Amino acid sequence: MSESPLPLPRLSAPASRALAAAGITDLRQLDGTPERDVLALHGVGPSQLGVLRDALSAAGLSLADPLSRPRATGRNDNTAFLETPGSPRQWIEGLPTARRVEDGLRLLELFGEVTGEPPSMWGPSIVGYGTHHYVYDSGREGDTLRVGFSPRASAISLYGLLGAPGADALLATLGQHKTGTGCLYVTTLARIREPVLRDLVAAAWAQPD
């Protein structure tokens, strides 16, 4: 019996087109491929190479001949997005609609139960848990939250939940949602399966920092 397909991770549109044009539809096809050859595909830049590298590693596979990567220096190049003072609960309680307040307080409880960490404000409108120092292959680095949320007017934005192993399978059972670059959107908690959201948060939180 043949092995079941091992899908590619979520990539940018140019990277997805580049891999499709090269006939690459299964993650196993990249196992043992030199990193330089993958990077040579028009549309696959350093950030998308990193996504593929992480997906292969999670599946017990790897690219060959790894390219040198920048070392972390500890600096924060993203000074526009910082952990800020303020009470997340007070901010949520001050939101202008009952739906946003109700969903925000429930998310505050859910994320707190799963992570075991106190929440912090990141910028004026994001509640975050934990910190993560990232280093892009471009050399840019900085600090960000590990997981978090923001009950906005149009939808609830959920951060850090898309990259963990098994996330795609969980999303298939979550309920009504949309995804963007690194972000998951749901209109209201009433339209999704909350236990699945809890599993997504747990999977993301279990990822190495």
N, C-alpha and C. Protein backbone atom coordinates (compact mmCIF):
# COMPACT_ATOMS: atom_id res chain seq x y z
N MET A 1 0.84 -1.19 0.00
CA MET A 1 0.00 0.00 0.00
C MET A 1 0.88 1.25 0.00
N SER A 2 0.61 2.20 -0.87
CA SER A 2 1.41 3.41 -0.97
C SER A 2 1.15 4.31 0.23
N GLU A 3 2.16 5.13 0.56
CA GLU A 3 2.03 6.04 1.68
C GLU A 3 1.02 7.13 1.34
N SER A 4 0.31 7.59 2.36
CA SER A 4 -0.63 8.68 2.14
C SER A 4 0.14 9.95 1.83
N PRO A 5 -0.46 10.88 1.08
CA PRO A 5 0.25 12.11 0.72
C PRO A 5 0.68 12.90 1.95
N LEU A 6 1.83 13.53 1.84
CA LEU A 6 2.33 14.41 2.89
C LEU A 6 2.29 15.82 2.32
N PRO A 7 1.23 16.57 2.62
CA PRO A 7 1.04 17.85 1.93
C PRO A 7 2.11 18.87 2.27
N LEU A 8 2.30 19.79 1.35
CA LEU A 8 3.21 20.90 1.59
C LEU A 8 2.61 21.83 2.64
N PRO A 9 3.44 22.56 3.37
CA PRO A 9 2.91 23.50 4.36
C PRO A 9 2.27 24.70 3.66
N ARG A 10 1.59 25.52 4.41
CA ARG A 10 1.01 26.73 3.87
C ARG A 10 2.13 27.69 3.47
N LEU A 11 2.12 28.10 2.19
CA LEU A 11 3.18 28.93 1.64
C LEU A 11 2.57 30.17 0.99
N SER A 12 3.43 31.11 0.65
CA SER A 12 2.96 32.26 -0.11
C SER A 12 2.53 31.80 -1.50
N ALA A 13 1.70 32.61 -2.17
CA ALA A 13 1.23 32.25 -3.50
C ALA A 13 2.37 32.07 -4.49
N PRO A 14 3.38 32.96 -4.53
CA PRO A 14 4.49 32.74 -5.47
C PRO A 14 5.26 31.44 -5.20
N ALA A 15 5.49 31.12 -3.92
CA ALA A 15 6.21 29.88 -3.60
C ALA A 15 5.38 28.66 -3.97
N SER A 16 4.07 28.71 -3.73
CA SER A 16 3.21 27.58 -4.10
C SER A 16 3.22 27.37 -5.61
N ARG A 17 3.17 28.45 -6.37
CA ARG A 17 3.21 28.33 -7.83
C ARG A 17 4.55 27.78 -8.30
N ALA A 18 5.63 28.22 -7.67
CA ALA A 18 6.95 27.75 -8.07
C ALA A 18 7.10 26.25 -7.85
N LEU A 19 6.64 25.77 -6.71
CA LEU A 19 6.74 24.34 -6.43
C LEU A 19 5.83 23.54 -7.36
N ALA A 20 4.62 24.05 -7.61
CA ALA A 20 3.71 23.35 -8.52
C ALA A 20 4.30 23.27 -9.92
N ALA A 21 4.93 24.35 -10.37
CA ALA A 21 5.54 24.36 -11.70
C ALA A 21 6.68 23.36 -11.79
N ALA A 22 7.34 23.11 -10.66
CA ALA A 22 8.44 22.13 -10.63
C ALA A 22 7.93 20.72 -10.40
N GLY A 23 6.61 20.55 -10.30
CA GLY A 23 6.04 19.21 -10.10
C GLY A 23 6.12 18.72 -8.68
N ILE A 24 6.33 19.62 -7.73
CA ILE A 24 6.48 19.23 -6.32
C ILE A 24 5.15 19.44 -5.62
N THR A 25 4.51 18.37 -5.25
CA THR A 25 3.20 18.44 -4.58
C THR A 25 3.20 17.72 -3.25
N ASP A 26 4.25 17.00 -2.94
CA ASP A 26 4.34 16.21 -1.72
C ASP A 26 5.64 16.57 -1.01
N LEU A 27 5.58 16.74 0.30
CA LEU A 27 6.75 17.16 1.07
C LEU A 27 7.91 16.19 0.91
N ARG A 28 7.60 14.91 0.71
CA ARG A 28 8.67 13.91 0.60
C ARG A 28 9.55 14.15 -0.63
N GLN A 29 9.00 14.80 -1.63
CA GLN A 29 9.77 15.06 -2.84
C GLN A 29 10.95 15.99 -2.58
N LEU A 30 10.88 16.74 -1.49
CA LEU A 30 11.96 17.68 -1.16
C LEU A 30 13.02 17.06 -0.26
N ASP A 31 12.74 15.90 0.29
CA ASP A 31 13.69 15.26 1.20
C ASP A 31 15.01 15.00 0.49
N GLY A 32 16.10 15.54 1.03
CA GLY A 32 17.41 15.35 0.43
C GLY A 32 17.75 16.33 -0.67
N THR A 33 16.86 17.25 -1.00
CA THR A 33 17.14 18.25 -2.03
C THR A 33 18.03 19.34 -1.45
N PRO A 34 19.08 19.73 -2.15
CA PRO A 34 19.93 20.82 -1.63
C PRO A 34 19.13 22.10 -1.44
N GLU A 35 19.37 22.78 -0.35
CA GLU A 35 18.64 24.02 -0.08
C GLU A 35 18.84 25.05 -1.20
N ARG A 36 20.02 25.09 -1.77
CA ARG A 36 20.29 26.06 -2.83
C ARG A 36 19.39 25.82 -4.03
N ASP A 37 19.08 24.54 -4.32
CA ASP A 37 18.21 24.22 -5.46
C ASP A 37 16.78 24.68 -5.20
N VAL A 38 16.32 24.54 -3.97
CA VAL A 38 14.97 25.00 -3.64
C VAL A 38 14.91 26.51 -3.71
N LEU A 39 15.93 27.18 -3.19
CA LEU A 39 15.96 28.64 -3.20
C LEU A 39 16.05 29.19 -4.62
N ALA A 40 16.56 28.39 -5.55
CA ALA A 40 16.69 28.82 -6.94
C ALA A 40 15.36 28.86 -7.67
N LEU A 41 14.33 28.22 -7.11
CA LEU A 41 13.01 28.25 -7.74
C LEU A 41 12.45 29.66 -7.63
N HIS A 42 12.08 30.24 -8.76
CA HIS A 42 11.59 31.62 -8.76
C HIS A 42 10.28 31.70 -7.98
N GLY A 43 10.30 32.47 -6.88
CA GLY A 43 9.13 32.59 -6.02
C GLY A 43 9.37 32.03 -4.63
N VAL A 44 10.44 31.28 -4.47
CA VAL A 44 10.79 30.74 -3.15
C VAL A 44 11.94 31.57 -2.59
N GLY A 45 11.63 32.44 -1.66
CA GLY A 45 12.64 33.27 -1.02
C GLY A 45 13.11 32.66 0.30
N PRO A 46 14.00 33.34 1.01
CA PRO A 46 14.53 32.81 2.27
C PRO A 46 13.45 32.49 3.30
N SER A 47 12.42 33.34 3.40
CA SER A 47 11.39 33.07 4.42
C SER A 47 10.61 31.80 4.11
N GLN A 48 10.29 31.58 2.82
CA GLN A 48 9.55 30.38 2.45
C GLN A 48 10.42 29.13 2.51
N LEU A 49 11.71 29.29 2.25
CA LEU A 49 12.64 28.18 2.46
C LEU A 49 12.62 27.77 3.92
N GLY A 50 12.56 28.74 4.82
CA GLY A 50 12.48 28.43 6.25
C GLY A 50 11.23 27.68 6.62
N VAL A 51 10.09 28.04 6.00
CA VAL A 51 8.83 27.33 6.25
C VAL A 51 8.96 25.88 5.80
N LEU A 52 9.54 25.67 4.63
CA LEU A 52 9.73 24.30 4.13
C LEU A 52 10.70 23.53 5.02
N ARG A 53 11.74 24.18 5.44
CA ARG A 53 12.73 23.52 6.32
C ARG A 53 12.07 23.06 7.61
N ASP A 54 11.24 23.91 8.21
CA ASP A 54 10.58 23.56 9.46
C ASP A 54 9.56 22.44 9.26
N ALA A 55 8.83 22.47 8.14
CA ALA A 55 7.84 21.42 7.87
C ALA A 55 8.51 20.07 7.66
N LEU A 56 9.62 20.08 6.96
CA LEU A 56 10.36 18.83 6.74
C LEU A 56 10.89 18.29 8.07
N SER A 57 11.42 19.17 8.89
CA SER A 57 11.95 18.74 10.18
C SER A 57 10.86 18.11 11.04
N ALA A 58 9.67 18.71 11.04
CA ALA A 58 8.55 18.19 11.82
C ALA A 58 8.12 16.81 11.33
N ALA A 59 8.36 16.52 10.04
CA ALA A 59 7.99 15.23 9.46
C ALA A 59 9.13 14.22 9.50
N GLY A 60 10.25 14.58 10.13
CA GLY A 60 11.40 13.69 10.20
C GLY A 60 12.20 13.65 8.92
N LEU A 61 12.07 14.68 8.08
CA LEU A 61 12.78 14.78 6.81
C LEU A 61 13.67 16.01 6.85
N SER A 62 14.45 16.22 5.78
CA SER A 62 15.31 17.41 5.77
C SER A 62 15.80 17.69 4.36
N LEU A 63 16.12 18.94 4.14
CA LEU A 63 16.82 19.33 2.93
C LEU A 63 18.31 19.02 3.10
N ALA A 64 19.03 19.01 2.00
CA ALA A 64 20.47 18.71 2.06
C ALA A 64 21.29 19.98 1.89
N ASP A 65 22.55 19.89 2.26
CA ASP A 65 23.50 20.99 2.08
C ASP A 65 22.94 22.31 2.60
N PRO A 66 22.63 22.39 3.89
CA PRO A 66 22.02 23.61 4.43
C PRO A 66 22.88 24.84 4.21
N LEU A 67 22.22 25.92 3.84
CA LEU A 67 22.90 27.20 3.67
C LEU A 67 23.16 27.81 5.03
N SER A 68 24.17 28.63 5.12
CA SER A 68 24.46 29.30 6.39
C SER A 68 23.31 30.23 6.75
N ARG A 69 23.01 30.31 8.02
CA ARG A 69 21.91 31.15 8.50
C ARG A 69 22.46 32.17 9.49
N PRO A 70 21.83 33.34 9.54
CA PRO A 70 22.30 34.36 10.49
C PRO A 70 22.17 33.89 11.93
N ARG A 71 23.11 34.31 12.75
CA ARG A 71 23.05 34.00 14.19
C ARG A 71 22.30 35.11 14.92
N ALA A 72 21.57 34.70 15.95
CA ALA A 72 20.83 35.68 16.74
C ALA A 72 21.79 36.57 17.52
N THR A 73 21.52 37.86 17.54
CA THR A 73 22.31 38.79 18.34
C THR A 73 21.54 39.29 19.55
N GLY A 74 20.21 39.04 19.56
CA GLY A 74 19.38 39.51 20.66
C GLY A 74 18.76 40.86 20.44
N ARG A 75 19.08 41.52 19.33
CA ARG A 75 18.52 42.85 19.09
C ARG A 75 17.07 42.72 18.61
N ASN A 76 16.34 43.80 18.68
CA ASN A 76 14.95 43.83 18.21
C ASN A 76 14.83 44.88 17.10
N ASP A 77 14.73 44.42 15.85
CA ASP A 77 14.60 45.33 14.72
C ASP A 77 13.17 45.82 14.54
N ASN A 78 12.21 45.18 15.22
CA ASN A 78 10.81 45.53 15.03
C ASN A 78 10.31 46.37 16.21
N THR A 79 10.77 47.60 16.28
CA THR A 79 10.42 48.45 17.42
C THR A 79 9.00 48.98 17.35
N ALA A 80 8.31 48.74 16.24
CA ALA A 80 6.92 49.21 16.12
C ALA A 80 5.94 48.26 16.79
N PHE A 81 6.41 47.05 17.16
CA PHE A 81 5.52 46.06 17.77
C PHE A 81 6.20 45.55 19.04
N LEU A 82 5.78 46.09 20.18
CA LEU A 82 6.44 45.79 21.43
C LEU A 82 5.41 45.41 22.50
N GLU A 83 5.87 44.65 23.48
CA GLU A 83 5.05 44.38 24.66
C GLU A 83 4.87 45.70 25.41
N THR A 84 3.63 46.03 25.75
CA THR A 84 3.33 47.34 26.32
C THR A 84 2.61 47.21 27.66
N PRO A 85 2.68 48.25 28.51
CA PRO A 85 1.96 48.21 29.79
C PRO A 85 0.45 48.21 29.57
N GLY A 86 -0.25 47.80 30.60
CA GLY A 86 -1.70 47.82 30.53
C GLY A 86 -2.31 46.47 30.88
N SER A 87 -3.55 46.49 31.31
CA SER A 87 -4.26 45.29 31.71
C SER A 87 -5.07 44.74 30.53
N PRO A 88 -4.77 43.53 30.04
CA PRO A 88 -5.58 42.95 28.98
C PRO A 88 -7.06 42.85 29.35
N ARG A 89 -7.36 42.47 30.58
CA ARG A 89 -8.76 42.34 30.99
C ARG A 89 -9.47 43.69 30.93
N GLN A 90 -8.84 44.72 31.43
CA GLN A 90 -9.46 46.04 31.38
C GLN A 90 -9.66 46.51 29.94
N TRP A 91 -8.68 46.22 29.08
CA TRP A 91 -8.83 46.61 27.68
C TRP A 91 -10.01 45.88 27.05
N ILE A 92 -10.13 44.57 27.31
CA ILE A 92 -11.24 43.79 26.75
C ILE A 92 -12.57 44.31 27.27
N GLU A 93 -12.64 44.55 28.58
CA GLU A 93 -13.90 45.02 29.18
C GLU A 93 -14.33 46.39 28.64
N GLY A 94 -13.39 47.13 28.08
CA GLY A 94 -13.70 48.43 27.52
C GLY A 94 -14.02 48.42 26.04
N LEU A 95 -14.07 47.24 25.43
CA LEU A 95 -14.40 47.17 24.00
C LEU A 95 -15.85 47.61 23.78
N PRO A 96 -16.16 48.15 22.58
CA PRO A 96 -17.45 48.83 22.39
C PRO A 96 -18.67 47.96 22.18
N THR A 97 -18.50 46.64 21.95
CA THR A 97 -19.69 45.81 21.73
C THR A 97 -19.67 44.62 22.68
N ALA A 98 -20.86 44.14 23.02
CA ALA A 98 -20.99 43.02 23.96
C ALA A 98 -20.36 41.75 23.39
N ARG A 99 -20.49 41.56 22.06
CA ARG A 99 -19.93 40.35 21.45
C ARG A 99 -18.42 40.33 21.58
N ARG A 100 -17.78 41.47 21.34
CA ARG A 100 -16.32 41.51 21.44
C ARG A 100 -15.86 41.32 22.88
N VAL A 101 -16.58 41.89 23.82
CA VAL A 101 -16.23 41.72 25.24
C VAL A 101 -16.39 40.25 25.64
N GLU A 102 -17.53 39.65 25.28
CA GLU A 102 -17.80 38.26 25.67
C GLU A 102 -16.76 37.32 25.07
N ASP A 103 -16.50 37.46 23.77
CA ASP A 103 -15.51 36.59 23.14
C ASP A 103 -14.11 36.85 23.69
N GLY A 104 -13.78 38.11 23.93
CA GLY A 104 -12.47 38.44 24.45
C GLY A 104 -12.22 37.85 25.83
N LEU A 105 -13.20 37.93 26.71
CA LEU A 105 -13.04 37.36 28.05
C LEU A 105 -12.94 35.85 28.00
N ARG A 106 -13.69 35.21 27.09
CA ARG A 106 -13.60 33.76 26.97
C ARG A 106 -12.23 33.35 26.45
N LEU A 107 -11.71 34.10 25.47
CA LEU A 107 -10.38 33.80 24.96
C LEU A 107 -9.31 34.04 26.02
N LEU A 108 -9.49 35.06 26.83
CA LEU A 108 -8.55 35.33 27.92
C LEU A 108 -8.49 34.11 28.85
N GLU A 109 -9.64 33.53 29.13
CA GLU A 109 -9.70 32.35 29.98
C GLU A 109 -9.08 31.14 29.29
N LEU A 110 -9.43 30.92 28.02
CA LEU A 110 -8.95 29.74 27.29
C LEU A 110 -7.44 29.77 27.12
N PHE A 111 -6.90 30.88 26.64
CA PHE A 111 -5.45 30.96 26.43
C PHE A 111 -4.71 30.85 27.76
N GLY A 112 -5.26 31.43 28.81
CA GLY A 112 -4.62 31.35 30.11
C GLY A 112 -4.57 29.92 30.64
N GLU A 113 -5.68 29.19 30.45
CA GLU A 113 -5.72 27.80 30.90
C GLU A 113 -4.73 26.93 30.14
N VAL A 114 -4.61 27.14 28.84
CA VAL A 114 -3.74 26.29 28.02
C VAL A 114 -2.26 26.63 28.25
N THR A 115 -1.94 27.92 28.28
CA THR A 115 -0.53 28.30 28.38
C THR A 115 -0.01 28.33 29.82
N GLY A 116 -0.89 28.60 30.77
CA GLY A 116 -0.44 28.76 32.15
C GLY A 116 0.34 30.04 32.38
N GLU A 117 0.28 30.96 31.41
CA GLU A 117 1.04 32.20 31.49
C GLU A 117 0.10 33.40 31.65
N PRO A 118 0.57 34.46 32.29
CA PRO A 118 -0.24 35.68 32.36
C PRO A 118 -0.22 36.38 31.00
N PRO A 119 -1.30 37.07 30.65
CA PRO A 119 -1.34 37.77 29.37
C PRO A 119 -0.65 39.13 29.45
N SER A 120 -0.25 39.62 28.28
CA SER A 120 0.32 40.96 28.17
C SER A 120 -0.29 41.65 26.96
N MET A 121 -0.29 42.96 26.97
CA MET A 121 -0.68 43.71 25.79
C MET A 121 0.52 43.86 24.87
N TRP A 122 0.28 43.64 23.57
CA TRP A 122 1.29 43.88 22.54
C TRP A 122 0.70 44.95 21.62
N GLY A 123 1.30 46.13 21.67
CA GLY A 123 0.69 47.24 20.96
C GLY A 123 -0.62 47.59 21.64
N PRO A 124 -1.47 48.35 20.96
CA PRO A 124 -2.69 48.81 21.59
C PRO A 124 -3.84 47.82 21.58
N SER A 125 -3.76 46.72 20.80
CA SER A 125 -4.97 45.91 20.62
C SER A 125 -4.75 44.41 20.48
N ILE A 126 -3.61 43.89 20.93
CA ILE A 126 -3.36 42.46 20.85
C ILE A 126 -3.00 41.94 22.24
N VAL A 127 -3.64 40.85 22.64
CA VAL A 127 -3.32 40.17 23.89
C VAL A 127 -2.40 39.00 23.56
N GLY A 128 -1.24 38.96 24.17
CA GLY A 128 -0.26 37.93 23.85
C GLY A 128 0.20 37.13 25.05
N TYR A 129 0.73 35.96 24.76
CA TYR A 129 1.23 35.05 25.80
C TYR A 129 2.62 34.59 25.40
N GLY A 130 3.57 34.72 26.33
CA GLY A 130 4.92 34.29 26.05
C GLY A 130 5.62 35.21 25.07
N THR A 131 6.92 35.01 24.91
CA THR A 131 7.70 35.77 23.94
C THR A 131 8.56 34.82 23.11
N HIS A 132 8.81 35.24 21.91
CA HIS A 132 9.61 34.44 20.98
C HIS A 132 10.57 35.36 20.25
N HIS A 133 11.85 35.00 20.24
CA HIS A 133 12.83 35.78 19.49
C HIS A 133 13.07 35.08 18.15
N TYR A 134 12.80 35.80 17.07
CA TYR A 134 12.94 35.21 15.74
C TYR A 134 14.14 35.82 15.02
N VAL A 135 14.70 35.03 14.11
CA VAL A 135 15.77 35.49 13.23
C VAL A 135 15.43 35.03 11.83
N TYR A 136 15.18 35.97 10.93
CA TYR A 136 14.90 35.62 9.54
C TYR A 136 16.20 35.33 8.81
N ASP A 137 16.09 34.60 7.72
CA ASP A 137 17.28 34.31 6.92
C ASP A 137 17.87 35.58 6.32
N SER A 138 17.07 36.65 6.25
CA SER A 138 17.57 37.93 5.76
C SER A 138 18.50 38.60 6.77
N GLY A 139 18.48 38.11 8.03
CA GLY A 139 19.26 38.72 9.10
C GLY A 139 18.44 39.58 10.02
N ARG A 140 17.22 39.92 9.62
CA ARG A 140 16.34 40.71 10.48
C ARG A 140 15.88 39.84 11.66
N GLU A 141 15.83 40.41 12.84
CA GLU A 141 15.41 39.66 14.01
C GLU A 141 14.62 40.54 14.95
N GLY A 142 13.96 39.91 15.89
CA GLY A 142 13.17 40.69 16.84
C GLY A 142 12.41 39.81 17.79
N ASP A 143 11.56 40.44 18.60
CA ASP A 143 10.76 39.75 19.60
C ASP A 143 9.29 39.85 19.24
N THR A 144 8.56 38.80 19.50
CA THR A 144 7.13 38.81 19.28
C THR A 144 6.46 37.89 20.28
N LEU A 145 5.14 37.90 20.31
CA LEU A 145 4.40 36.98 21.18
C LEU A 145 4.43 35.58 20.60
N ARG A 146 4.25 34.58 21.45
CA ARG A 146 4.19 33.21 20.95
C ARG A 146 2.80 32.88 20.42
N VAL A 147 1.77 33.17 21.20
CA VAL A 147 0.38 33.02 20.76
C VAL A 147 -0.41 34.19 21.30
N GLY A 148 -1.53 34.49 20.66
CA GLY A 148 -2.33 35.59 21.16
C GLY A 148 -3.58 35.80 20.34
N PHE A 149 -4.31 36.87 20.67
CA PHE A 149 -5.59 37.12 19.99
C PHE A 149 -5.94 38.59 20.08
N SER A 150 -6.88 38.98 19.23
CA SER A 150 -7.44 40.33 19.28
C SER A 150 -8.87 40.27 18.78
N PRO A 151 -9.87 40.54 19.63
CA PRO A 151 -11.27 40.55 19.19
C PRO A 151 -11.60 41.86 18.48
N ARG A 152 -11.33 41.92 17.20
CA ARG A 152 -11.52 43.14 16.42
C ARG A 152 -12.97 43.26 15.98
N ALA A 153 -13.30 44.40 15.35
CA ALA A 153 -14.68 44.67 14.97
C ALA A 153 -15.18 43.69 13.92
N SER A 154 -14.35 43.37 12.92
CA SER A 154 -14.81 42.52 11.82
C SER A 154 -14.63 41.04 12.11
N ALA A 155 -13.63 40.68 12.89
CA ALA A 155 -13.34 39.27 13.17
C ALA A 155 -12.37 39.18 14.34
N ILE A 156 -12.29 37.99 14.93
CA ILE A 156 -11.28 37.71 15.95
C ILE A 156 -10.00 37.28 15.23
N SER A 157 -8.92 37.97 15.50
CA SER A 157 -7.62 37.59 14.95
C SER A 157 -6.90 36.72 15.98
N LEU A 158 -6.40 35.57 15.52
CA LEU A 158 -5.70 34.63 16.39
C LEU A 158 -4.28 34.44 15.85
N TYR A 159 -3.30 34.64 16.71
CA TYR A 159 -1.92 34.68 16.27
C TYR A 159 -1.12 33.47 16.75
N GLY A 160 -0.22 33.00 15.88
CA GLY A 160 0.71 31.95 16.24
C GLY A 160 0.17 30.54 16.20
N LEU A 161 -1.00 30.31 15.60
CA LEU A 161 -1.65 29.01 15.68
C LEU A 161 -1.53 28.17 14.41
N LEU A 162 -0.88 28.66 13.37
CA LEU A 162 -0.95 27.98 12.08
C LEU A 162 0.24 27.07 11.77
N GLY A 163 1.35 27.22 12.46
CA GLY A 163 2.54 26.51 12.04
C GLY A 163 2.84 25.20 12.73
N ALA A 164 2.08 24.84 13.75
CA ALA A 164 2.39 23.63 14.52
C ALA A 164 2.04 22.36 13.76
N PRO A 165 2.75 21.26 14.01
CA PRO A 165 2.37 19.98 13.40
C PRO A 165 0.92 19.63 13.74
N GLY A 166 0.16 19.22 12.73
CA GLY A 166 -1.24 18.84 12.94
C GLY A 166 -2.21 19.99 12.86
N ALA A 167 -1.71 21.23 12.67
CA ALA A 167 -2.60 22.39 12.64
C ALA A 167 -3.58 22.32 11.48
N ASP A 168 -3.14 21.88 10.32
CA ASP A 168 -4.03 21.83 9.16
C ASP A 168 -5.19 20.86 9.40
N ALA A 169 -4.90 19.72 10.02
CA ALA A 169 -5.96 18.76 10.31
C ALA A 169 -6.96 19.33 11.31
N LEU A 170 -6.46 20.07 12.30
CA LEU A 170 -7.36 20.69 13.27
C LEU A 170 -8.21 21.78 12.61
N LEU A 171 -7.60 22.56 11.73
CA LEU A 171 -8.36 23.61 11.05
C LEU A 171 -9.51 23.04 10.24
N ALA A 172 -9.32 21.85 9.71
CA ALA A 172 -10.37 21.23 8.90
C ALA A 172 -11.62 20.93 9.72
N THR A 173 -11.48 20.86 11.03
CA THR A 173 -12.63 20.56 11.89
C THR A 173 -13.02 21.74 12.79
N LEU A 174 -12.36 22.88 12.60
CA LEU A 174 -12.58 24.03 13.48
C LEU A 174 -13.94 24.67 13.28
N GLY A 175 -14.38 24.76 12.05
CA GLY A 175 -15.60 25.51 11.74
C GLY A 175 -15.25 26.70 10.87
N GLN A 176 -16.16 27.64 10.76
CA GLN A 176 -16.01 28.77 9.84
C GLN A 176 -14.80 29.63 10.22
N HIS A 177 -13.85 29.75 9.29
CA HIS A 177 -12.65 30.53 9.56
C HIS A 177 -11.99 30.93 8.25
N LYS A 178 -11.04 31.84 8.34
CA LYS A 178 -10.17 32.21 7.24
C LYS A 178 -8.75 32.28 7.76
N THR A 179 -7.80 32.17 6.86
CA THR A 179 -6.40 32.28 7.25
C THR A 179 -5.71 33.34 6.41
N GLY A 180 -4.72 33.98 7.00
CA GLY A 180 -3.88 34.93 6.30
C GLY A 180 -2.44 34.58 6.57
N THR A 181 -1.53 35.49 6.29
CA THR A 181 -0.12 35.24 6.54
C THR A 181 0.14 35.19 8.04
N GLY A 182 0.23 33.98 8.56
CA GLY A 182 0.51 33.80 9.98
C GLY A 182 -0.64 34.09 10.91
N CYS A 183 -1.85 34.26 10.39
CA CYS A 183 -2.96 34.66 11.25
C CYS A 183 -4.22 33.87 10.89
N LEU A 184 -4.99 33.54 11.91
CA LEU A 184 -6.25 32.82 11.77
C LEU A 184 -7.38 33.77 12.15
N TYR A 185 -8.45 33.80 11.35
CA TYR A 185 -9.56 34.71 11.59
C TYR A 185 -10.87 33.94 11.77
N VAL A 186 -11.62 34.26 12.82
CA VAL A 186 -12.96 33.72 13.00
C VAL A 186 -13.88 34.89 13.34
N THR A 187 -15.12 34.84 12.86
CA THR A 187 -16.02 35.97 13.11
C THR A 187 -16.47 36.03 14.56
N THR A 188 -16.74 34.87 15.14
CA THR A 188 -17.15 34.81 16.54
C THR A 188 -16.92 33.39 17.05
N LEU A 189 -16.72 33.24 18.34
CA LEU A 189 -16.49 31.91 18.91
C LEU A 189 -17.71 31.02 18.74
N ALA A 190 -18.89 31.60 18.60
CA ALA A 190 -20.11 30.80 18.46
C ALA A 190 -20.12 30.00 17.16
N ARG A 191 -19.29 30.38 16.20
CA ARG A 191 -19.29 29.71 14.89
C ARG A 191 -18.16 28.71 14.72
N ILE A 192 -17.42 28.44 15.78
CA ILE A 192 -16.36 27.45 15.69
C ILE A 192 -16.49 26.44 16.83
N ARG A 193 -15.72 25.38 16.73
CA ARG A 193 -15.67 24.37 17.79
C ARG A 193 -14.56 24.76 18.76
N GLU A 194 -14.96 25.19 19.93
CA GLU A 194 -14.00 25.70 20.91
C GLU A 194 -12.97 24.64 21.33
N PRO A 195 -13.34 23.35 21.52
CA PRO A 195 -12.31 22.37 21.87
C PRO A 195 -11.21 22.26 20.81
N VAL A 196 -11.57 22.45 19.53
CA VAL A 196 -10.56 22.41 18.48
C VAL A 196 -9.64 23.62 18.59
N LEU A 197 -10.21 24.77 18.88
CA LEU A 197 -9.38 25.96 19.09
C LEU A 197 -8.42 25.73 20.25
N ARG A 198 -8.91 25.13 21.31
CA ARG A 198 -8.05 24.83 22.46
C ARG A 198 -6.88 23.93 22.03
N ASP A 199 -7.17 22.94 21.19
CA ASP A 199 -6.11 22.05 20.71
C ASP A 199 -5.11 22.79 19.83
N LEU A 200 -5.59 23.74 19.04
CA LEU A 200 -4.68 24.55 18.22
C LEU A 200 -3.74 25.38 19.08
N VAL A 201 -4.29 25.99 20.13
CA VAL A 201 -3.46 26.78 21.04
C VAL A 201 -2.43 25.88 21.73
N ALA A 202 -2.87 24.70 22.17
CA ALA A 202 -1.96 23.78 22.86
C ALA A 202 -0.84 23.32 21.93
N ALA A 203 -1.17 23.00 20.68
CA ALA A 203 -0.16 22.55 19.73
C ALA A 203 0.86 23.66 19.45
N ALA A 204 0.37 24.89 19.28
CA ALA A 204 1.26 26.01 19.03
C ALA A 204 2.15 26.29 20.23
N TRP A 205 1.57 26.23 21.43
CA TRP A 205 2.33 26.52 22.65
C TRP A 205 3.40 25.46 22.91
N ALA A 206 3.15 24.24 22.44
CA ALA A 206 4.12 23.15 22.67
C ALA A 206 5.33 23.24 21.74
N GLN A 207 5.24 24.10 20.71
CA GLN A 207 6.37 24.26 19.80
C GLN A 207 7.58 24.84 20.53
N PRO A 208 8.80 24.39 20.19
CA PRO A 208 9.98 24.96 20.83
C PRO A 208 10.06 26.46 20.57
N ASP A 209 10.50 27.19 21.58
CA ASP A 209 10.61 28.64 21.44
C ASP A 209 11.73 28.97 20.46
